[in-house]
Each structure stands twice: as C-alpha cells, then as structure tokens.
N, C-alpha and C. Protein backbone atom coordinates (compact mmCIF):
# COMPACT_ATOMS: atom_id res chain seq x y z
N MET A 1 -13.72 0.18 57.44
CA MET A 1 -14.15 -0.57 56.29
C MET A 1 -15.15 0.24 55.45
N LYS A 2 -16.11 0.86 56.13
CA LYS A 2 -17.08 1.67 55.41
C LYS A 2 -16.43 2.89 54.77
N LYS A 3 -15.40 3.40 55.44
CA LYS A 3 -14.69 4.56 54.90
C LYS A 3 -13.99 4.20 53.60
N ASP A 4 -13.42 3.00 53.53
CA ASP A 4 -12.74 2.55 52.31
C ASP A 4 -13.74 2.37 51.17
N GLU A 5 -14.90 1.81 51.48
CA GLU A 5 -15.92 1.63 50.45
C GLU A 5 -16.45 2.98 49.95
N GLU A 6 -16.61 3.91 50.88
CA GLU A 6 -17.06 5.25 50.52
C GLU A 6 -16.03 5.95 49.64
N ALA A 7 -14.77 5.82 50.00
CA ALA A 7 -13.70 6.43 49.21
C ALA A 7 -13.62 5.80 47.83
N ALA A 8 -13.78 4.49 47.75
CA ALA A 8 -13.74 3.81 46.46
C ALA A 8 -14.90 4.23 45.58
N ARG A 9 -16.08 4.38 46.17
CA ARG A 9 -17.25 4.81 45.41
C ARG A 9 -17.08 6.24 44.92
N GLU A 10 -16.55 7.10 45.80
CA GLU A 10 -16.32 8.50 45.44
C GLU A 10 -15.29 8.60 44.31
N TYR A 11 -14.23 7.80 44.41
CA TYR A 11 -13.21 7.78 43.37
C TYR A 11 -13.80 7.31 42.04
N SER A 12 -14.64 6.29 42.10
CA SER A 12 -15.27 5.76 40.89
C SER A 12 -16.15 6.81 40.24
N GLU A 13 -16.91 7.55 41.03
CA GLU A 13 -17.76 8.60 40.50
C GLU A 13 -16.93 9.71 39.86
N MET A 14 -15.84 10.09 40.51
CA MET A 14 -14.96 11.13 39.95
C MET A 14 -14.33 10.65 38.64
N PHE A 15 -13.95 9.39 38.58
CA PHE A 15 -13.35 8.84 37.37
C PHE A 15 -14.35 8.83 36.22
N VAL A 16 -15.61 8.49 36.51
CA VAL A 16 -16.64 8.47 35.47
C VAL A 16 -16.87 9.88 34.92
N VAL A 17 -16.92 10.86 35.80
CA VAL A 17 -17.11 12.25 35.36
C VAL A 17 -15.92 12.68 34.50
N PHE A 18 -14.71 12.37 34.94
CA PHE A 18 -13.51 12.73 34.19
C PHE A 18 -13.47 12.02 32.84
N SER A 19 -13.74 10.73 32.82
CA SER A 19 -13.66 9.97 31.57
C SER A 19 -14.76 10.39 30.59
N ASP A 20 -15.91 10.80 31.10
CA ASP A 20 -16.97 11.29 30.21
C ASP A 20 -16.54 12.57 29.50
N SER A 21 -15.89 13.47 30.23
CA SER A 21 -15.45 14.71 29.59
C SER A 21 -14.33 14.44 28.58
N ILE A 22 -13.43 13.52 28.89
CA ILE A 22 -12.37 13.17 27.94
C ILE A 22 -12.96 12.50 26.71
N GLU A 23 -13.97 11.67 26.90
CA GLU A 23 -14.61 10.98 25.79
C GLU A 23 -15.24 11.98 24.82
N VAL A 24 -15.85 13.03 25.35
CA VAL A 24 -16.46 14.06 24.49
C VAL A 24 -15.38 14.72 23.64
N TRP A 25 -14.24 15.07 24.24
CA TRP A 25 -13.16 15.72 23.49
C TRP A 25 -12.55 14.77 22.46
N LEU A 26 -12.37 13.52 22.82
CA LEU A 26 -11.82 12.56 21.87
C LEU A 26 -12.77 12.34 20.69
N ARG A 27 -14.04 12.29 20.97
CA ARG A 27 -15.03 12.13 19.90
C ARG A 27 -14.98 13.32 18.96
N ARG A 28 -14.88 14.52 19.50
CA ARG A 28 -14.79 15.73 18.67
C ARG A 28 -13.53 15.70 17.80
N ILE A 29 -12.42 15.31 18.39
CA ILE A 29 -11.16 15.25 17.64
C ILE A 29 -11.26 14.26 16.50
N VAL A 30 -11.82 13.10 16.75
CA VAL A 30 -11.96 12.07 15.71
C VAL A 30 -12.87 12.58 14.60
N ILE A 31 -13.96 13.22 14.94
CA ILE A 31 -14.89 13.74 13.93
C ILE A 31 -14.19 14.80 13.07
N VAL A 32 -13.44 15.70 13.70
CA VAL A 32 -12.72 16.73 12.95
C VAL A 32 -11.68 16.10 12.03
N LEU A 33 -10.96 15.09 12.50
CA LEU A 33 -9.96 14.43 11.67
C LEU A 33 -10.59 13.70 10.49
N VAL A 34 -11.72 13.05 10.69
CA VAL A 34 -12.41 12.35 9.59
C VAL A 34 -12.92 13.36 8.56
N ILE A 35 -13.49 14.46 9.03
CA ILE A 35 -13.95 15.50 8.10
C ILE A 35 -12.77 16.08 7.33
N GLY A 36 -11.65 16.32 8.03
CA GLY A 36 -10.46 16.83 7.36
C GLY A 36 -9.94 15.86 6.31
N LEU A 37 -9.95 14.58 6.62
CA LEU A 37 -9.50 13.57 5.67
C LEU A 37 -10.39 13.56 4.43
N CYS A 38 -11.69 13.62 4.63
CA CYS A 38 -12.62 13.63 3.49
C CYS A 38 -12.42 14.89 2.63
N LEU A 39 -12.25 16.03 3.27
CA LEU A 39 -12.01 17.27 2.52
C LEU A 39 -10.70 17.20 1.74
N PHE A 40 -9.66 16.68 2.38
CA PHE A 40 -8.35 16.58 1.72
C PHE A 40 -8.44 15.65 0.52
N GLN A 41 -9.14 14.53 0.66
CA GLN A 41 -9.30 13.61 -0.46
C GLN A 41 -10.09 14.26 -1.58
N ALA A 42 -11.07 15.07 -1.25
CA ALA A 42 -11.84 15.77 -2.28
C ALA A 42 -10.97 16.79 -3.00
N VAL A 43 -10.12 17.49 -2.27
CA VAL A 43 -9.23 18.48 -2.87
C VAL A 43 -8.22 17.80 -3.80
N LEU A 44 -7.78 16.60 -3.46
CA LEU A 44 -6.82 15.88 -4.30
C LEU A 44 -7.41 15.48 -5.64
N ARG A 45 -8.70 15.56 -5.81
CA ARG A 45 -9.32 15.22 -7.09
C ARG A 45 -9.25 16.37 -8.08
N VAL A 46 -8.85 17.55 -7.63
CA VAL A 46 -8.70 18.72 -8.51
C VAL A 46 -7.26 18.73 -9.02
N PRO A 47 -7.05 18.54 -10.34
CA PRO A 47 -5.69 18.41 -10.86
C PRO A 47 -4.78 19.62 -10.60
N GLU A 48 -5.32 20.83 -10.64
CA GLU A 48 -4.50 22.03 -10.42
C GLU A 48 -3.95 22.08 -9.00
N ILE A 49 -4.73 21.63 -8.06
CA ILE A 49 -4.31 21.64 -6.66
C ILE A 49 -3.48 20.39 -6.34
N ARG A 50 -3.81 19.30 -6.99
CA ARG A 50 -3.13 18.03 -6.73
C ARG A 50 -1.64 18.11 -7.01
N GLN A 51 -1.25 18.85 -8.05
CA GLN A 51 0.18 18.95 -8.37
C GLN A 51 0.97 19.66 -7.28
N TRP A 52 0.33 20.49 -6.50
CA TRP A 52 1.01 21.16 -5.39
C TRP A 52 1.08 20.29 -4.15
N LEU A 53 0.07 19.45 -3.95
CA LEU A 53 -0.02 18.65 -2.73
C LEU A 53 0.65 17.29 -2.83
N ALA A 54 0.61 16.66 -4.00
CA ALA A 54 1.14 15.31 -4.15
C ALA A 54 2.39 15.36 -5.03
N SER A 55 3.55 15.42 -4.40
CA SER A 55 4.79 15.55 -5.16
C SER A 55 5.16 14.26 -5.90
N ALA A 56 4.73 13.12 -5.43
CA ALA A 56 5.07 11.85 -6.07
C ALA A 56 4.16 11.55 -7.26
N ASP A 57 3.18 12.36 -7.48
CA ASP A 57 2.23 12.14 -8.56
C ASP A 57 2.90 12.18 -9.93
N LYS A 58 3.95 12.97 -10.08
CA LYS A 58 4.61 13.07 -11.38
C LYS A 58 5.37 11.80 -11.73
N TYR A 59 5.67 10.95 -10.76
CA TYR A 59 6.39 9.70 -11.02
C TYR A 59 5.44 8.53 -11.29
N GLU A 60 4.18 8.74 -11.16
CA GLU A 60 3.21 7.66 -11.32
C GLU A 60 3.19 7.18 -12.77
N GLY A 61 3.33 5.89 -12.94
CA GLY A 61 3.25 5.30 -14.27
C GLY A 61 4.57 5.23 -15.01
N THR A 62 5.62 5.80 -14.46
CA THR A 62 6.94 5.72 -15.09
C THR A 62 7.90 5.05 -14.12
N SER A 63 8.84 4.30 -14.66
CA SER A 63 9.81 3.64 -13.78
C SER A 63 10.96 4.59 -13.48
N ILE A 64 11.52 4.43 -12.32
CA ILE A 64 12.67 5.25 -11.90
C ILE A 64 13.93 4.45 -12.18
N HIS A 65 14.81 4.99 -12.98
CA HIS A 65 16.06 4.33 -13.33
C HIS A 65 17.17 4.85 -12.41
N ARG A 66 17.80 3.93 -11.72
CA ARG A 66 18.90 4.31 -10.83
C ARG A 66 20.22 3.93 -11.48
N LYS A 67 21.25 4.66 -11.18
CA LYS A 67 22.55 4.45 -11.81
C LYS A 67 23.22 3.16 -11.38
N ASN A 68 23.00 2.70 -10.16
CA ASN A 68 23.69 1.53 -9.61
C ASN A 68 23.01 0.21 -9.94
N GLU A 69 21.87 0.24 -10.61
CA GLU A 69 21.18 -1.01 -10.94
C GLU A 69 21.81 -1.64 -12.19
N PRO A 70 21.96 -2.97 -12.22
CA PRO A 70 22.55 -3.63 -13.40
C PRO A 70 21.62 -3.64 -14.59
C-alpha cells in the first residue's frame, strides 16, 4: 500500500516537472504568434506591401458578376 502511494506521488512530481516545461514552451509559442500577428497587421497598413499580401483587396467595394446569375 505504501509502495503504491509512493509511486503515485513520484508520478505526480514527474508530471508536474514535465507539464511545467511544456507550459514554458507553449507560452513562448503563443507570445511569438501574437507578436507575429501584430507585425503582420502593421505591415498590411502599408499600401505598397498590402497589394502583394492581400489578393482579395482588389475586389473590395465592387460586386462580382457571375455568368450563371439571373
């Protein structure tokens, strides 16, 4: 019985150490992605660069006429 409790405690400690290291990496990834998103949104505000990155921008404000519509 004591062996099972010891093993469970040891497993819990190992899991905490493992999850702490994964949490650090996940936090770093999220921070990098948020910074990348902010930078990309800032770049999209430059018209010369925006035309290369946003292909649908040229259709904004105009309707698309399809041949099969009545």
